[in-house]
Every structure is written in C-alpha cells, then in structure tokens.
C-alpha cells in the first residue's frame, strides 16, 4: 500500500566558489491506498524544488529553498493533501 510502482528523482547541482544552486525533481506514479471509502487509486505527481546557498565564513552558510515551485496539488496519502509551495530561509553550520 502507498508505494507506487514507479518513482524517480533527479538533481542538477551547480557550485561556484562559495555559492551553490540545486534544482530537484521528484516524480511518483499512481498508487493505491485505503481511505474511508475503501481501496482507492491516487494519481501520480511530479514536484520541482529549488535551493541556493552561500557560505559566509568557515562552515556558516545562508540558504533559501522553494519546495513545490509550481504549487502542484497532490496526495501522498488519500485524504491528506500535501503542502503547497513552501519557502524556507535559514542559516546552517557544522559543529565539527
């Protein structure tokens, strides 16, 4: 259940000096799930994501990410819509 027959991901990454860019694609074929009305087929989807980052100093990095760039509507579980477009901005650091 909930496992489509076909899934795929791809990433295109570019790094130049302290900057990086990542374009990602996630695609899933249709699948089956059990909802309130019994077994149901849910459609496949393709989602596109984009992220960028810049290393400020040492391991300190600022980044921005957009998940689901085109605001695709889909369900990974019947009856529970996935989040729409999502923007994230943050700082990242390594401890070691």
C-alpha atoms as a PDB file:
ATOM      1  CA  UNK A   1       0.000   0.000   0.000  1.00  0.00           C
ATOM      2  CA  UNK A   2       1.036   3.596  -0.655  1.00  0.00           C
ATOM      3  CA  UNK A   3       4.024   2.501  -2.702  1.00  0.00           C
ATOM      4  CA  UNK A   4       3.729   3.383  -6.369  1.00  0.00           C
ATOM      5  CA  UNK A   5       5.220   1.055  -8.936  1.00  0.00           C
ATOM      6  CA  UNK A   6       7.388   3.857 -10.362  1.00  0.00           C
ATOM      7  CA  UNK A   7       9.289   6.613  -8.580  1.00  0.00           C
ATOM      8  CA  UNK A   8      12.192   8.779  -9.620  1.00  0.00           C
ATOM      9  CA  UNK A   9      14.295  11.707  -8.517  1.00  0.00           C
ATOM     10  CA  UNK A  10      16.871  13.867 -10.242  1.00  0.00           C
ATOM     11  CA  UNK A  11      19.060  16.742  -9.085  1.00  0.00           C
ATOM     12  CA  UNK A  12      21.068  19.249 -11.053  1.00  0.00           C
ATOM     13  CA  UNK A  13      23.684  20.911  -8.862  1.00  0.00           C
ATOM     14  CA  UNK A  14      25.998  23.823  -9.608  1.00  0.00           C
ATOM     15  CA  UNK A  15      28.743  25.171  -7.356  1.00  0.00           C
ATOM     16  CA  UNK A  16      30.872  28.238  -7.967  1.00  0.00           C
ATOM     17  CA  UNK A  17      33.180  29.450  -5.237  1.00  0.00           C
ATOM     18  CA  UNK A  18      31.117  29.919  -2.087  1.00  0.00           C
ATOM     19  CA  UNK A  19      27.737  29.744  -3.867  1.00  0.00           C
ATOM     20  CA  UNK A  20      25.667  26.703  -4.805  1.00  0.00           C
ATOM     21  CA  UNK A  21      22.403  26.043  -6.624  1.00  0.00           C
ATOM     22  CA  UNK A  22      20.301  22.856  -6.705  1.00  0.00           C
ATOM     23  CA  UNK A  23      17.299  22.087  -8.925  1.00  0.00           C
ATOM     24  CA  UNK A  24      15.464  18.901  -7.975  1.00  0.00           C
ATOM     25  CA  UNK A  25      12.619  16.850  -9.429  1.00  0.00           C
ATOM     26  CA  UNK A  26      10.598  14.176  -7.621  1.00  0.00           C
ATOM     27  CA  UNK A  27       8.165  12.054  -9.615  1.00  0.00           C
ATOM     28  CA  UNK A  28       5.853   9.269  -8.437  1.00  0.00           C
ATOM     29  CA  UNK A  29       3.472   7.142 -10.435  1.00  0.00           C
ATOM     30  CA  UNK A  30      -0.060   6.448  -9.331  1.00  0.00           C
ATOM     31  CA  UNK A  31      -0.575   4.226  -6.318  1.00  0.00           C
ATOM     32  CA  UNK A  32      -3.180   2.593  -4.136  1.00  0.00           C
ATOM     33  CA  UNK A  33      -4.334   3.454  -0.635  1.00  0.00           C
ATOM     34  CA  UNK A  34      -7.142   2.522   1.736  1.00  0.00           C
ATOM     35  CA  UNK A  35      -9.306   5.504   2.668  1.00  0.00           C
ATOM     36  CA  UNK A  36     -12.625   5.921   4.420  1.00  0.00           C
ATOM     37  CA  UNK A  37     -14.453   4.549   1.369  1.00  0.00           C
ATOM     38  CA  UNK A  38     -12.184   1.541   0.885  1.00  0.00           C
ATOM     39  CA  UNK A  39      -9.315   0.974  -1.532  1.00  0.00           C
ATOM     40  CA  UNK A  40      -8.629   3.944  -3.796  1.00  0.00           C
ATOM     41  CA  UNK A  41      -6.216   4.829  -6.573  1.00  0.00           C
ATOM     42  CA  UNK A  42      -4.412   8.125  -6.202  1.00  0.00           C
ATOM     43  CA  UNK A  43      -2.784   9.887  -9.120  1.00  0.00           C
ATOM     44  CA  UNK A  44       0.905  10.300  -9.635  1.00  0.00           C
ATOM     45  CA  UNK A  45       2.657  13.635  -9.409  1.00  0.00           C
ATOM     46  CA  UNK A  46       5.839  15.475 -10.267  1.00  0.00           C
ATOM     47  CA  UNK A  47       7.230  18.123  -7.935  1.00  0.00           C
ATOM     48  CA  UNK A  48      10.024  20.612  -8.651  1.00  0.00           C
ATOM     49  CA  UNK A  49      12.234  22.134  -5.927  1.00  0.00           C
ATOM     50  CA  UNK A  50      14.950  24.802  -6.000  1.00  0.00           C
ATOM     51  CA  UNK A  51      17.548  25.735  -3.397  1.00  0.00           C
ATOM     52  CA  UNK A  52      20.530  28.040  -3.220  1.00  0.00           C
ATOM     53  CA  UNK A  53      23.156  28.773  -0.631  1.00  0.00           C
ATOM     54  CA  UNK A  54      26.194  30.889   0.103  1.00  0.00           C
ATOM     55  CA  UNK A  55      28.985  30.072   2.550  1.00  0.00           C
ATOM     56  CA  UNK A  56      29.646  33.152   4.665  1.00  0.00           C
ATOM     57  CA  UNK A  57      32.608  32.105   6.802  1.00  0.00           C
ATOM     58  CA  UNK A  58      34.021  28.720   7.735  1.00  0.00           C
ATOM     59  CA  UNK A  59      31.072  26.336   7.973  1.00  0.00           C
ATOM     60  CA  UNK A  60      28.423  29.100   8.315  1.00  0.00           C
ATOM     61  CA  UNK A  61      26.074  29.085   5.343  1.00  0.00           C
ATOM     62  CA  UNK A  62      22.947  31.047   4.475  1.00  0.00           C
ATOM     63  CA  UNK A  63      20.403  29.249   2.299  1.00  0.00           C
ATOM     64  CA  UNK A  64      16.990  29.610   0.687  1.00  0.00           C
ATOM     65  CA  UNK A  65      14.750  26.865  -0.622  1.00  0.00           C
ATOM     66  CA  UNK A  66      11.457  26.669  -2.512  1.00  0.00           C
ATOM     67  CA  UNK A  67       9.700  23.301  -2.369  1.00  0.00           C
ATOM     68  CA  UNK A  68       6.959  22.593  -4.910  1.00  0.00           C
ATOM     69  CA  UNK A  69       7.837  25.574  -7.132  1.00  0.00           C
ATOM     70  CA  UNK A  70       4.735  25.229  -9.327  1.00  0.00           C
ATOM     71  CA  UNK A  71       2.386  24.653  -6.356  1.00  0.00           C
ATOM     72  CA  UNK A  72       1.272  21.223  -7.613  1.00  0.00           C
ATOM     73  CA  UNK A  73      -1.724  19.677  -5.818  1.00  0.00           C
ATOM     74  CA  UNK A  74      -1.240  16.036  -4.864  1.00  0.00           C
ATOM     75  CA  UNK A  75      -1.770  13.498  -2.088  1.00  0.00           C
ATOM     76  CA  UNK A  76       0.826  11.036  -0.825  1.00  0.00           C
ATOM     77  CA  UNK A  77      -1.866   9.503   1.398  1.00  0.00           C
ATOM     78  CA  UNK A  78      -5.539   9.504   0.372  1.00  0.00           C
ATOM     79  CA  UNK A  79      -7.420  12.302   2.134  1.00  0.00           C
ATOM     80  CA  UNK A  80      -4.301  14.223   3.210  1.00  0.00           C
ATOM     81  CA  UNK A  81      -3.260  16.856   0.662  1.00  0.00           C
ATOM     82  CA  UNK A  82       0.454  17.605   0.543  1.00  0.00           C
ATOM     83  CA  UNK A  83       1.671  21.095   1.382  1.00  0.00           C
ATOM     84  CA  UNK A  84       1.619  23.608  -1.433  1.00  0.00           C
ATOM     85  CA  UNK A  85       4.534  25.837  -2.319  1.00  0.00           C
ATOM     86  CA  UNK A  86       6.855  26.283   0.657  1.00  0.00           C
ATOM     87  CA  UNK A  87       9.585  28.892   1.195  1.00  0.00           C
ATOM     88  CA  UNK A  88      12.423  28.306   3.663  1.00  0.00           C
ATOM     89  CA  UNK A  89      15.321  30.636   4.559  1.00  0.00           C
ATOM     90  CA  UNK A  90      17.910  29.817   7.169  1.00  0.00           C
ATOM     91  CA  UNK A  91      21.440  29.547   8.473  1.00  0.00           C
ATOM     92  CA  UNK A  92      23.369  26.301   8.641  1.00  0.00           C
ATOM     93  CA  UNK A  93      26.549  25.486  10.497  1.00  0.00           C
ATOM     94  CA  UNK A  94      28.617  22.415  11.209  1.00  0.00           C
ATOM     95  CA  UNK A  95      29.702  21.625  14.757  1.00  0.00           C
ATOM     96  CA  UNK A  96      32.785  19.630  13.807  1.00  0.00           C
END
